[in-house]
PDB file of N, CA and C in Angstrom:
ATOM      1  N   MET A   1      29.044  -2.770  -1.179  1.00  0.00           N
ATOM      2  CA  MET A   1      28.869  -3.822  -0.491  1.00  0.00           C
ATOM      3  C   MET A   1      29.117  -3.315   1.171  1.00  0.00           C
ATOM      4  N   ALA A   2      29.464  -2.422   1.593  1.00  0.00           N
ATOM      5  CA  ALA A   2      29.266  -2.176   2.347  1.00  0.00           C
ATOM      6  C   ALA A   2      28.097  -1.267   2.897  1.00  0.00           C
ATOM      7  N   ASP A   3      27.602  -0.274   1.926  1.00  0.00           N
ATOM      8  CA  ASP A   3      25.988   0.343   1.933  1.00  0.00           C
ATOM      9  C   ASP A   3      25.095  -0.864   2.329  1.00  0.00           C
ATOM     10  N   LYS A   4      24.869  -1.833   1.102  1.00  0.00           N
ATOM     11  CA  LYS A   4      23.640  -2.773   1.846  1.00  0.00           C
ATOM     12  C   LYS A   4      23.937  -3.281   2.899  1.00  0.00           C
ATOM     13  N   ILE A   5      24.923  -4.186   3.519  1.00  0.00           N
ATOM     14  CA  ILE A   5      25.619  -4.572   4.333  1.00  0.00           C
ATOM     15  C   ILE A   5      24.752  -3.251   5.877  1.00  0.00           C
ATOM     16  N   LYS A   6      26.170  -2.632   5.736  1.00  0.00           N
ATOM     17  CA  LYS A   6      24.237  -1.113   6.502  1.00  0.00           C
ATOM     18  C   LYS A   6      22.951  -0.967   7.118  1.00  0.00           C
ATOM     19  N   LEU A   7      22.469  -1.042   5.588  1.00  0.00           N
ATOM     20  CA  LEU A   7      21.133  -0.845   5.001  1.00  0.00           C
ATOM     21  C   LEU A   7      20.210  -2.042   5.779  1.00  0.00           C
ATOM     22  N   GLY A   8      20.995  -3.601   5.378  1.00  0.00           N
ATOM     23  CA  GLY A   8      20.241  -4.381   5.829  1.00  0.00           C
ATOM     24  C   GLY A   8      20.366  -4.643   7.305  1.00  0.00           C
ATOM     25  N   LEU A   9      21.374  -4.191   8.198  1.00  0.00           N
ATOM     26  CA  LEU A   9      21.580  -4.235   9.594  1.00  0.00           C
ATOM     27  C   LEU A   9      20.582  -2.501  10.189  1.00  0.00           C
ATOM     28  N   ALA A  10      20.274  -1.743   9.153  1.00  0.00           N
ATOM     29  CA  ALA A  10      18.901  -0.705   9.837  1.00  0.00           C
ATOM     30  C   ALA A  10      18.040  -1.554   9.724  1.00  0.00           C
ATOM     31  N   ALA A  11      17.264  -2.062   8.907  1.00  0.00           N
ATOM     32  CA  ALA A  11      15.554  -2.726   8.626  1.00  0.00           C
ATOM     33  C   ALA A  11      16.167  -4.051   9.070  1.00  0.00           C
ATOM     34  N   LEU A  12      17.294  -4.959   9.813  1.00  0.00           N
ATOM     35  CA  LEU A  12      16.991  -5.626  10.664  1.00  0.00           C
ATOM     36  C   LEU A  12      17.276  -4.813  11.717  1.00  0.00           C
ATOM     37  N   LEU A  13      17.110  -3.907  12.206  1.00  0.00           N
ATOM     38  CA  LEU A  13      16.612  -3.084  13.887  1.00  0.00           C
ATOM     39  C   LEU A  13      16.008  -2.575  13.951  1.00  0.00           C
ATOM     40  N   VAL A  14      14.755  -2.000  12.444  1.00  0.00           N
ATOM     41  CA  VAL A  14      13.921  -1.967  13.103  1.00  0.00           C
ATOM     42  C   VAL A  14      13.055  -2.706  13.007  1.00  0.00           C
ATOM     43  N   ILE A  15      12.872  -3.950  12.420  1.00  0.00           N
ATOM     44  CA  ILE A  15      12.584  -5.653  12.671  1.00  0.00           C
ATOM     45  C   ILE A  15      12.789  -5.733  14.314  1.00  0.00           C
ATOM     46  N   ALA A  16      13.659  -5.452  14.716  1.00  0.00           N
ATOM     47  CA  ALA A  16      13.835  -5.714  16.500  1.00  0.00           C
ATOM     48  C   ALA A  16      13.195  -4.489  17.134  1.00  0.00           C
ATOM     49  N   GLY A  17      12.910  -3.448  16.395  1.00  0.00           N
ATOM     50  CA  GLY A  17      12.419  -2.841  17.317  1.00  0.00           C
ATOM     51  C   GLY A  17      10.319  -3.532  17.456  1.00  0.00           C
ATOM     52  N   ILE A  18      10.695  -3.239  16.647  1.00  0.00           N
ATOM     53  CA  ILE A  18       8.653  -4.034  16.319  1.00  0.00           C
ATOM     54  C   ILE A  18       8.745  -4.656  16.803  1.00  0.00           C
ATOM     55  N   ALA A  19       9.980  -6.403  17.069  1.00  0.00           N
ATOM     56  CA  ALA A  19      10.040  -7.604  17.865  1.00  0.00           C
ATOM     57  C   ALA A  19       9.476  -7.411  19.187  1.00  0.00           C
ATOM     58  N   GLY A  20      10.449  -6.400  19.801  1.00  0.00           N
ATOM     59  CA  GLY A  20       9.847  -5.879  21.343  1.00  0.00           C
ATOM     60  C   GLY A  20       8.853  -5.272  21.306  1.00  0.00           C
ATOM     61  N   PHE A  21       8.344  -5.086  21.200  1.00  0.00           N
ATOM     62  CA  PHE A  21       7.445  -4.816  21.132  1.00  0.00           C
ATOM     63  C   PHE A  21       6.604  -5.766  21.489  1.00  0.00           C
ATOM     64  N   TYR A  22       6.365  -7.081  20.113  1.00  0.00           N
ATOM     65  CA  TYR A  22       5.678  -7.650  21.314  1.00  0.00           C
ATOM     66  C   TYR A  22       6.079  -8.317  22.070  1.00  0.00           C
ATOM     67  N   LEU A  23       6.967  -8.603  21.862  1.00  0.00           N
ATOM     68  CA  LEU A  23       7.891  -9.360  22.992  1.00  0.00           C
ATOM     69  C   LEU A  23       7.652  -8.692  24.364  1.00  0.00           C
ATOM     70  N   LEU A  24       7.636  -7.379  24.839  1.00  0.00           N
ATOM     71  CA  LEU A  24       7.147  -6.847  26.054  1.00  0.00           C
ATOM     72  C   LEU A  24       5.505  -6.799  26.301  1.00  0.00           C
ATOM     73  N   GLN A  25       5.195  -7.783  25.588  1.00  0.00           N
ATOM     74  CA  GLN A  25       3.527  -8.179  26.148  1.00  0.00           C
ATOM     75  C   GLN A  25       3.023  -7.553  27.478  1.00  0.00           C
ATOM     76  N   GLY A  26       3.926  -8.040  28.049  1.00  0.00           N
ATOM     77  CA  GLY A  26       3.470  -7.809  29.592  1.00  0.00           C
ATOM     78  C   GLY A  26       3.622  -6.950  30.440  1.00  0.00           C
ATOM     79  N   SER A  27       4.981  -5.966  29.452  1.00  0.00           N
ATOM     80  CA  SER A  27       5.353  -4.800  29.903  1.00  0.00           C
ATOM     81  C   SER A  27       4.685  -3.407  29.627  1.00  0.00           C
ATOM     82  N   ALA A  28       4.777  -1.893  30.494  1.00  0.00           N
ATOM     83  CA  ALA A  28       4.257  -0.869  30.070  1.00  0.00           C
ATOM     84  C   ALA A  28       3.985  -0.111  28.623  1.00  0.00           C
ATOM     85  N   MET A  29       2.985  -0.414  28.606  1.00  0.00           N
ATOM     86  CA  MET A  29       2.778   0.320  27.104  1.00  0.00           C
ATOM     87  C   MET A  29       4.009   1.364  26.427  1.00  0.00           C
ATOM     88  N   VAL A  30       4.773   2.244  27.800  1.00  0.00           N
ATOM     89  CA  VAL A  30       5.852   3.132  27.124  1.00  0.00           C
ATOM     90  C   VAL A  30       7.144   2.430  27.192  1.00  0.00           C
ATOM     91  N   LEU A  31       6.982   1.003  27.407  1.00  0.00           N
ATOM     92  CA  LEU A  31       8.125   0.778  27.213  1.00  0.00           C
ATOM     93  C   LEU A  31       8.628   0.074  26.268  1.00  0.00           C
ATOM     94  N   ARG A  32       6.995  -0.434  25.480  1.00  0.00           N
ATOM     95  CA  ARG A  32       6.890  -1.177  24.289  1.00  0.00           C
ATOM     96  C   ARG A  32       7.259  -0.035  23.324  1.00  0.00           C
ATOM     97  N   VAL A  33       6.845   0.873  23.381  1.00  0.00           N
ATOM     98  CA  VAL A  33       6.915   2.256  22.926  1.00  0.00           C
ATOM     99  C   VAL A  33       7.986   2.974  22.004  1.00  0.00           C
ATOM    100  N   VAL A  34       9.203   2.241  23.749  1.00  0.00           N
ATOM    101  CA  VAL A  34      10.309   3.049  23.801  1.00  0.00           C
ATOM    102  C   VAL A  34      10.636   1.805  22.463  1.00  0.00           C
ATOM    103  N   SER A  35      10.342   0.998  22.605  1.00  0.00           N
ATOM    104  CA  SER A  35      11.749  -0.057  22.374  1.00  0.00           C
ATOM    105  C   SER A  35      10.837  -0.183  20.531  1.00  0.00           C
ATOM    106  N   VAL A  36      10.015   0.237  20.325  1.00  0.00           N
ATOM    107  CA  VAL A  36       9.775   1.164  18.509  1.00  0.00           C
ATOM    108  C   VAL A  36      10.291   1.851  18.691  1.00  0.00           C
ATOM    109  N   LEU A  37      10.119   2.898  18.834  1.00  0.00           N
ATOM    110  CA  LEU A  37      11.560   4.398  18.578  1.00  0.00           C
ATOM    111  C   LEU A  37      12.999   3.778  18.679  1.00  0.00           C
ATOM    112  N   ALA A  38      13.484   3.193  19.315  1.00  0.00           N
ATOM    113  CA  ALA A  38      15.020   3.200  19.328  1.00  0.00           C
ATOM    114  C   ALA A  38      14.937   2.390  18.501  1.00  0.00           C
ATOM    115  N   GLY A  39      14.669   0.961  18.159  1.00  0.00           N
ATOM    116  CA  GLY A  39      14.785   0.235  17.360  1.00  0.00           C
ATOM    117  C   GLY A  39      15.018   1.705  15.800  1.00  0.00           C
ATOM    118  N   LEU A  40      13.254   2.470  15.997  1.00  0.00           N
ATOM    119  CA  LEU A  40      14.285   3.603  14.301  1.00  0.00           C
ATOM    120  C   LEU A  40      14.903   4.020  14.413  1.00  0.00           C
ATOM    121  N   ALA A  41      15.230   4.815  15.556  1.00  0.00           N
ATOM    122  CA  ALA A  41      16.069   5.618  16.029  1.00  0.00           C
ATOM    123  C   ALA A  41      17.477   5.187  15.205  1.00  0.00           C
ATOM    124  N   VAL A  42      18.029   3.861  15.831  1.00  0.00           N
ATOM    125  CA  VAL A  42      18.995   3.533  15.850  1.00  0.00           C
ATOM    126  C   VAL A  42      19.252   3.246  14.407  1.00  0.00           C
ATOM    127  N   ALA A  43      18.243   2.439  13.717  1.00  0.00           N
ATOM    128  CA  ALA A  43      18.128   2.247  11.650  1.00  0.00           C
ATOM    129  C   ALA A  43      18.368   3.204  11.154  1.00  0.00           C
ATOM    130  N   VAL A  44      17.890   4.190  11.853  1.00  0.00           N
ATOM    131  CA  VAL A  44      17.683   6.126  11.099  1.00  0.00           C
ATOM    132  C   VAL A  44      19.850   6.532  10.942  1.00  0.00           C
ATOM    133  N   ALA A  45      20.163   6.397  11.872  1.00  0.00           N
ATOM    134  CA  ALA A  45      21.264   6.452  12.101  1.00  0.00           C
ATOM    135  C   ALA A  45      22.380   5.396  11.547  1.00  0.00           C
ATOM    136  N   VAL A  46      21.947   4.436  11.417  1.00  0.00           N
ATOM    137  CA  VAL A  46      22.952   3.582  10.864  1.00  0.00           C
ATOM    138  C   VAL A  46      22.611   3.499   9.366  1.00  0.00           C
ATOM    139  N   ALA A  47      21.343   4.029   9.189  1.00  0.00           N
ATOM    140  CA  ALA A  47      20.682   4.282   7.405  1.00  0.00           C
ATOM    141  C   ALA A  47      21.597   5.356   6.927  1.00  0.00           C
ATOM    142  N   TRP A  48      21.912   6.070   7.783  1.00  0.00           N
ATOM    143  CA  TRP A  48      22.338   7.722   7.357  1.00  0.00           C
ATOM    144  C   TRP A  48      23.762   7.191   7.007  1.00  0.00           C
ATOM    145  N   LEU A  49      24.740   6.389   7.760  1.00  0.00           N
ATOM    146  CA  LEU A  49      26.114   6.378   7.524  1.00  0.00           C
ATOM    147  C   LEU A  49      26.144   5.868   5.610  1.00  0.00           C
ATOM    148  N   SER A  50      24.979   5.409   5.193  1.00  0.00           N
ATOM    149  CA  SER A  50      25.566   4.816   4.027  1.00  0.00           C
ATOM    150  C   SER A  50      25.860   5.667   3.128  1.00  0.00           C
ATOM    151  N   GLU A  51      25.760   5.518   1.957  1.00  0.00           N
ATOM    152  CA  GLU A  51      26.248   6.359   0.496  1.00  0.00           C
ATOM    153  C   GLU A  51      24.553   6.972   0.526  1.00  0.00           C
ATOM    154  N   PRO A  52      23.286   5.586   0.339  1.00  0.00           N
ATOM    155  CA  PRO A  52      22.687   5.962   0.355  1.00  0.00           C
ATOM    156  C   PRO A  52      21.217   7.250   1.194  1.00  0.00           C
ATOM    157  N   GLY A  53      21.952   6.760   2.355  1.00  0.00           N
ATOM    158  CA  GLY A  53      21.525   7.652   3.475  1.00  0.00           C
ATOM    159  C   GLY A  53      21.987   8.862   3.580  1.00  0.00           C
ATOM    160  N   ARG A  54      22.844   8.635   2.632  1.00  0.00           N
ATOM    161  CA  ARG A  54      23.421  10.181   2.903  1.00  0.00           C
ATOM    162  C   ARG A  54      23.192  10.753   1.199  1.00  0.00           C
ATOM    163  N   ARG A  55      22.524  10.660   0.548  1.00  0.00           N
ATOM    164  CA  ARG A  55      22.298  11.107  -0.955  1.00  0.00           C
ATOM    165  C   ARG A  55      20.491  11.519  -0.651  1.00  0.00           C
ATOM    166  N   PHE A  56      19.851  10.138   0.702  1.00  0.00           N
ATOM    167  CA  PHE A  56      18.318  11.124   0.365  1.00  0.00           C
ATOM    168  C   PHE A  56      18.532  11.463   1.342  1.00  0.00           C
ATOM    169  N   ALA A  57      19.283  11.771   2.761  1.00  0.00           N
ATOM    170  CA  ALA A  57      19.430  13.562   3.213  1.00  0.00           C
ATOM    171  C   ALA A  57      19.298  14.624   2.521  1.00  0.00           C
ATOM    172  N   GLN A  58      20.614  14.978   1.636  1.00  0.00           N
ATOM    173  CA  GLN A  58      20.664  15.823   0.735  1.00  0.00           C
ATOM    174  C   GLN A  58      19.466  15.849   0.299  1.00  0.00           C
ATOM    175  N   PHE A  59      18.784  14.777  -0.672  1.00  0.00           N
ATOM    176  CA  PHE A  59      17.297  15.127  -1.231  1.00  0.00           C
ATOM    177  C   PHE A  59      16.444  15.560  -0.409  1.00  0.00           C
ATOM    178  N   GLY A  60      16.371  15.114   1.118  1.00  0.00           N
ATOM    179  CA  GLY A  60      15.384  16.186   1.609  1.00  0.00           C
ATOM    180  C   GLY A  60      15.701  17.556   1.999  1.00  0.00           C
ATOM    181  N   ARG A  61      17.164  17.505   2.460  1.00  0.00           N
ATOM    182  CA  ARG A  61      17.286  18.981   2.010  1.00  0.00           C
ATOM    183  C   ARG A  61      17.018  20.090   1.000  1.00  0.00           C
ATOM    184  N   GLU A  62      17.553  19.348  -0.210  1.00  0.00           N
ATOM    185  CA  GLU A  62      17.326  20.236  -1.223  1.00  0.00           C
ATOM    186  C   GLU A  62      15.689  20.459  -1.286  1.00  0.00           C
ATOM    187  N   SER A  63      15.238  19.446  -1.167  1.00  0.00           N
ATOM    188  CA  SER A  63      13.096  19.352  -1.078  1.00  0.00           C
ATOM    189  C   SER A  63      12.783  20.660  -0.193  1.00  0.00           C
ATOM    190  N   VAL A  64      13.443  20.833   0.369  1.00  0.00           N
ATOM    191  CA  VAL A  64      12.654  22.374   1.319  1.00  0.00           C
ATOM    192  C   VAL A  64      13.042  22.912   0.908  1.00  0.00           C
ATOM    193  N   VAL A  65      14.743  23.011   1.081  1.00  0.00           N
ATOM    194  CA  VAL A  65      15.413  24.351  -0.041  1.00  0.00           C
ATOM    195  C   VAL A  65      14.006  24.843  -1.172  1.00  0.00           C
ATOM    196  N   GLU A  66      13.225  23.664  -2.460  1.00  0.00           N
ATOM    197  CA  GLU A  66      12.206  23.784  -3.805  1.00  0.00           C
ATOM    198  C   GLU A  66      11.126  24.112  -2.723  1.00  0.00           C
ATOM    199  N   ALA A  67      10.357  24.013  -1.943  1.00  0.00           N
ATOM    200  CA  ALA A  67       9.574  23.732  -1.040  1.00  0.00           C
ATOM    201  C   ALA A  67       9.715  25.431  -0.665  1.00  0.00           C
ATOM    202  N   GLN A  68      10.750  25.642   0.003  1.00  0.00           N
ATOM    203  CA  GLN A  68      10.594  27.081   0.588  1.00  0.00           C
ATOM    204  C   GLN A  68      10.740  28.648  -0.510  1.00  0.00           C
ATOM    205  N   LYS A  69      11.107  28.430  -2.049  1.00  0.00           N
ATOM    206  CA  LYS A  69      10.842  29.078  -3.006  1.00  0.00           C
ATOM    207  C   LYS A  69       9.234  28.626  -3.814  1.00  0.00           C
ATOM    208  N   VAL A  70       8.022  27.968  -3.700  1.00  0.00           N
ATOM    209  CA  VAL A  70       7.345  27.979  -4.123  1.00  0.00           C
ATOM    210  C   VAL A  70       6.058  29.707  -3.878  1.00  0.00           C
ATOM    211  N   VAL A  71       5.796  29.625  -4.550  1.00  0.00           N
ATOM    212  CA  VAL A  71       5.127  31.215  -4.320  1.00  0.00           C
ATOM    213  C   VAL A  71       3.561  30.510  -4.150  1.00  0.00           C
ATOM    214  N   TRP A  72       3.030  30.425  -2.921  1.00  0.00           N
ATOM    215  CA  TRP A  72       1.605  29.993  -2.394  1.00  0.00           C
ATOM    216  C   TRP A  72       0.500  30.511  -2.574  1.00  0.00           C
ATOM    217  N   PRO A  73      -0.854  30.164  -2.694  1.00  0.00           N
ATOM    218  CA  PRO A  73      -1.824  31.390  -2.813  1.00  0.00           C
ATOM    219  C   PRO A  73      -2.003  32.187  -1.618  1.00  0.00           C
ATOM    220  N   SER A  74      -2.695  32.846  -1.947  1.00  0.00           N
ATOM    221  CA  SER A  74      -3.356  33.586  -0.998  1.00  0.00           C
ATOM    222  C   SER A  74      -4.154  33.767   0.096  1.00  0.00           C
ATOM    223  N   ARG A  75      -4.796  34.024   0.923  1.00  0.00           N
ATOM    224  CA  ARG A  75      -6.366  33.234   0.917  1.00  0.00           C
ATOM    225  C   ARG A  75      -7.179  33.086   0.513  1.00  0.00           C
ATOM    226  N   LYS A  76      -7.046  34.314  -0.357  1.00  0.00           N
ATOM    227  CA  LYS A  76      -8.818  35.340  -0.605  1.00  0.00           C
ATOM    228  C   LYS A  76      -8.523  34.914  -2.232  1.00  0.00           C
ATOM    229  N   GLU A  77      -7.000  34.387  -2.389  1.00  0.00           N
ATOM    230  CA  GLU A  77      -7.330  33.058  -4.039  1.00  0.00           C
ATOM    231  C   GLU A  77      -7.773  31.860  -3.254  1.00  0.00           C
ATOM    232  N   THR A  78      -6.927  31.401  -2.495  1.00  0.00           N
ATOM    233  CA  THR A  78      -7.361  29.808  -2.298  1.00  0.00           C
ATOM    234  C   THR A  78      -8.935  29.646  -1.839  1.00  0.00           C
ATOM    235  N   LEU A  79      -9.367  30.518  -0.891  1.00  0.00           N
ATOM    236  CA  LEU A  79     -11.157  30.613  -1.107  1.00  0.00           C
ATOM    237  C   LEU A  79     -11.504  30.502  -2.135  1.00  0.00           C
ATOM    238  N   GLN A  80     -11.056  31.730  -3.463  1.00  0.00           N
ATOM    239  CA  GLN A  80     -11.342  31.799  -4.578  1.00  0.00           C
ATOM    240  C   GLN A  80     -12.141  30.417  -5.374  1.00  0.00           C
ATOM    241  N   THR A  81     -11.163  29.928  -5.565  1.00  0.00           N
ATOM    242  CA  THR A  81     -10.607  28.404  -6.327  1.00  0.00           C
ATOM    243  C   THR A  81     -11.518  27.620  -5.501  1.00  0.00           C
ATOM    244  N   THR A  82     -11.567  27.823  -3.838  1.00  0.00           N
ATOM    245  CA  THR A  82     -12.337  26.699  -3.445  1.00  0.00           C
ATOM    246  C   THR A  82     -13.561  26.759  -3.732  1.00  0.00           C
ATOM    247  N   GLY A  83     -14.020  28.309  -3.894  1.00  0.00           N
ATOM    248  CA  GLY A  83     -15.461  28.501  -4.381  1.00  0.00           C
ATOM    249  C   GLY A  83     -15.796  28.242  -5.591  1.00  0.00           C
ATOM    250  N   VAL A  84     -15.028  28.337  -6.835  1.00  0.00           N
ATOM    251  CA  VAL A  84     -15.830  27.920  -7.765  1.00  0.00           C
ATOM    252  C   VAL A  84     -15.504  26.127  -8.278  1.00  0.00           C
ATOM    253  N   VAL A  85     -14.569  25.672  -7.187  1.00  0.00           N
ATOM    254  CA  VAL A  85     -14.775  24.557  -7.770  1.00  0.00           C
ATOM    255  C   VAL A  85     -15.957  23.378  -7.618  1.00  0.00           C
ATOM    256  N   VAL A  86     -16.105  23.941  -5.726  1.00  0.00           N
ATOM    257  CA  VAL A  86     -17.752  23.827  -5.284  1.00  0.00           C
ATOM    258  C   VAL A  86     -18.901  23.726  -6.134  1.00  0.00           C
ATOM    259  N   ALA A  87     -18.780  24.940  -6.890  1.00  0.00           N
ATOM    260  CA  ALA A  87     -20.155  25.632  -7.315  1.00  0.00           C
ATOM    261  C   ALA A  87     -19.760  24.446  -8.699  1.00  0.00           C
ATOM    262  N   PHE A  88     -18.434  24.432  -9.491  1.00  0.00           N
ATOM    263  CA  PHE A  88     -18.706  23.220 -10.380  1.00  0.00           C
ATOM    264  C   PHE A  88     -19.423  21.825 -10.554  1.00  0.00           C
ATOM    265  N   VAL A  89     -18.553  21.336  -9.076  1.00  0.00           N
ATOM    266  CA  VAL A  89     -19.772  20.335  -8.765  1.00  0.00           C
ATOM    267  C   VAL A  89     -20.380  20.428  -8.493  1.00  0.00           C
ATOM    268  N   VAL A  90     -21.207  21.672  -8.179  1.00  0.00           N
ATOM    269  CA  VAL A  90     -22.865  21.305  -7.880  1.00  0.00           C
ATOM    270  C   VAL A  90     -23.287  21.690  -8.885  1.00  0.00           C
ATOM    271  N   VAL A  91     -22.970  22.306  -9.771  1.00  0.00           N
ATOM    272  CA  VAL A  91     -23.229  21.694 -11.475  1.00  0.00           C
ATOM    273  C   VAL A  91     -23.565  21.002 -12.247  1.00  0.00           C
ATOM    274  N   MET A  92     -22.603  20.573 -12.014  1.00  0.00           N
ATOM    275  CA  MET A  92     -22.325  19.523 -12.296  1.00  0.00           C
ATOM    276  C   MET A  92     -23.364  17.838 -11.764  1.00  0.00           C
ATOM    277  N   ALA A  93     -23.512  17.792 -10.153  1.00  0.00           N
ATOM    278  CA  ALA A  93     -24.400  16.640 -10.056  1.00  0.00           C
ATOM    279  C   ALA A  93     -25.342  16.683 -10.550  1.00  0.00           C
ATOM    280  N   ILE A  94     -26.121  18.573 -10.201  1.00  0.00           N
ATOM    281  CA  ILE A  94     -27.848  18.523 -11.209  1.00  0.00           C
ATOM    282  C   ILE A  94     -27.711  17.794 -12.395  1.00  0.00           C
ATOM    283  N   PHE A  95     -26.564  18.102 -13.538  1.00  0.00           N
ATOM    284  CA  PHE A  95     -26.673  17.911 -14.633  1.00  0.00           C
ATOM    285  C   PHE A  95     -26.146  16.493 -14.891  1.00  0.00           C
ATOM    286  N   LEU A  96     -25.775  15.891 -13.737  1.00  0.00           N
ATOM    287  CA  LEU A  96     -26.296  14.711 -13.764  1.00  0.00           C
ATOM    288  C   LEU A  96     -27.110  13.687 -13.505  1.00  0.00           C
ATOM    289  N   TRP A  97     -28.042  14.391 -12.970  1.00  0.00           N
ATOM    290  CA  TRP A  97     -29.039  14.064 -11.112  1.00  0.00           C
ATOM    291  C   TRP A  97     -30.253  13.694 -13.128  1.00  0.00           C
ATOM    292  N   LEU A  98     -29.904  14.960 -13.615  1.00  0.00           N
ATOM    293  CA  LEU A  98     -31.119  15.084 -14.860  1.00  0.00           C
ATOM    294  C   LEU A  98     -31.507  14.316 -15.917  1.00  0.00           C
ATOM    295  N   VAL A  99     -29.785  13.401 -16.332  1.00  0.00           N
ATOM    296  CA  VAL A  99     -29.038  13.345 -17.499  1.00  0.00           C
ATOM    297  C   VAL A  99     -29.714  12.084 -17.477  1.00  0.00           C
ATOM    298  N   ASP A 100     -29.795  11.565 -15.842  1.00  0.00           N
ATOM    299  CA  ASP A 100     -29.581   9.682 -15.092  1.00  0.00           C
ATOM    300  C   ASP A 100     -30.990   9.921 -15.181  1.00  0.00           C
ATOM    301  N   ALA A 101     -32.237  11.130 -15.316  1.00  0.00           N
ATOM    302  CA  ALA A 101     -33.575  10.617 -14.658  1.00  0.00           C
ATOM    303  C   ALA A 101     -34.202  10.705 -16.004  1.00  0.00           C
ATOM    304  N   ALA A 102     -34.015  11.343 -16.897  1.00  0.00           N
ATOM    305  CA  ALA A 102     -34.328  11.650 -18.465  1.00  0.00           C
ATOM    306  C   ALA A 102     -33.640   9.896 -19.038  1.00  0.00           C
ATOM    307  N   LEU A 103     -32.846   9.492 -18.824  1.00  0.00           N
ATOM    308  CA  LEU A 103     -31.927   8.217 -19.374  1.00  0.00           C
ATOM    309  C   LEU A 103     -33.664   7.372 -18.941  1.00  0.00           C
ATOM    310  N   MET A 104     -33.745   7.435 -17.007  1.00  0.00           N
ATOM    311  CA  MET A 104     -34.215   5.889 -16.615  1.00  0.00           C
ATOM    312  C   MET A 104     -35.890   6.510 -17.253  1.00  0.00           C
ATOM    313  N   SER A 105     -36.154   7.727 -17.137  1.00  0.00           N
ATOM    314  CA  SER A 105     -37.572   7.957 -17.776  1.00  0.00           C
ATOM    315  C   SER A 105     -38.133   7.270 -19.264  1.00  0.00           C
ATOM    316  N   ALA A 106     -36.566   7.383 -20.594  1.00  0.00           N
ATOM    317  CA  ALA A 106     -36.580   6.899 -21.352  1.00  0.00           C
ATOM    318  C   ALA A 106     -36.701   5.346 -21.666  1.00  0.00           C
ATOM    319  N   VAL A 107     -36.172   4.769 -20.787  1.00  0.00           N
ATOM    320  CA  VAL A 107     -35.869   3.508 -20.512  1.00  0.00           C
ATOM    321  C   VAL A 107     -37.250   2.688 -20.362  1.00  0.00           C
ATOM    322  N   LYS A 108     -38.333   2.797 -18.411  1.00  0.00           N
ATOM    323  CA  LYS A 108     -38.791   2.885 -18.985  1.00  0.00           C
ATOM    324  C   LYS A 108     -40.106   2.995 -20.052  1.00  0.00           C
ATOM    325  N   LEU A 109     -40.262   4.066 -20.421  1.00  0.00           N
ATOM    326  CA  LEU A 109     -40.971   3.995 -21.625  1.00  0.00           C
ATOM    327  C   LEU A 109     -40.781   3.554 -22.685  1.00  0.00           C
ATOM    328  N   LEU A 110     -39.635   2.999 -22.952  1.00  0.00           N
ATOM    329  CA  LEU A 110     -39.153   1.784 -24.103  1.00  0.00           C
ATOM    330  C   LEU A 110     -39.413  -0.191 -23.632  1.00  0.00           C
ATOM    331  N   MET A 111     -39.474   0.019 -21.868  1.00  0.00           N
ATOM    332  CA  MET A 111     -39.763  -1.013 -21.654  1.00  0.00           C
ATOM    333  C   MET A 111     -41.504  -1.399 -21.270  1.00  0.00           C
ATOM    334  N   GLY A 112     -41.871  -0.155 -22.040  1.00  0.00           N
ATOM    335  CA  GLY A 112     -43.420   0.006 -21.560  1.00  0.00           C
ATOM    336  C   GLY A 112     -44.322  -0.324 -19.872  1.00  0.00           C
ATOM    337  N   ARG A 113     -42.986   0.397 -19.022  1.00  0.00           N
ATOM    338  CA  ARG A 113     -43.136   0.454 -18.076  1.00  0.00           C
ATOM    339  C   ARG A 113     -43.669   2.216 -17.538  1.00  0.00           C
ATOM    340  N   GLY A 114     -44.398   3.050 -18.879  1.00  0.00           N
ATOM    341  CA  GLY A 114     -43.835   4.344 -18.721  1.00  0.00           C
ATOM    342  C   GLY A 114     -44.989   4.414 -17.236  1.00  0.00           C
ATOM    343  N   ASP A 115     -43.877   5.720 -16.441  1.00  0.00           N
ATOM    344  CA  ASP A 115     -45.370   6.636 -15.277  1.00  0.00           C
ATOM    345  C   ASP A 115     -46.246   6.987 -15.699  1.00  0.00           C
TER     346      ASP A 115
END
């Protein structure tokens, strides 16, 4: 129950920060942006204190560790793969254009409007 209250308070703090942006309409833009950022910062701090917030932070840390384990392709591999994809797209575009042109000619012939 306490976690739900904390998350509700965090949501209200975000809303308050956004409301501050609009309520300070006559003020400098910096002050308005600081209002939103402050609301978000305090909301994150409150949410962090809840169990779901701690689980989310742990998930984020584990995600970073998993992303570091990924073997990313080299520049050469990336360029080669991109080249193959681009070539395939060009070939398919030409093929589909030819099929479309052939079907259009066939339909025109069937309708008696042959060129």
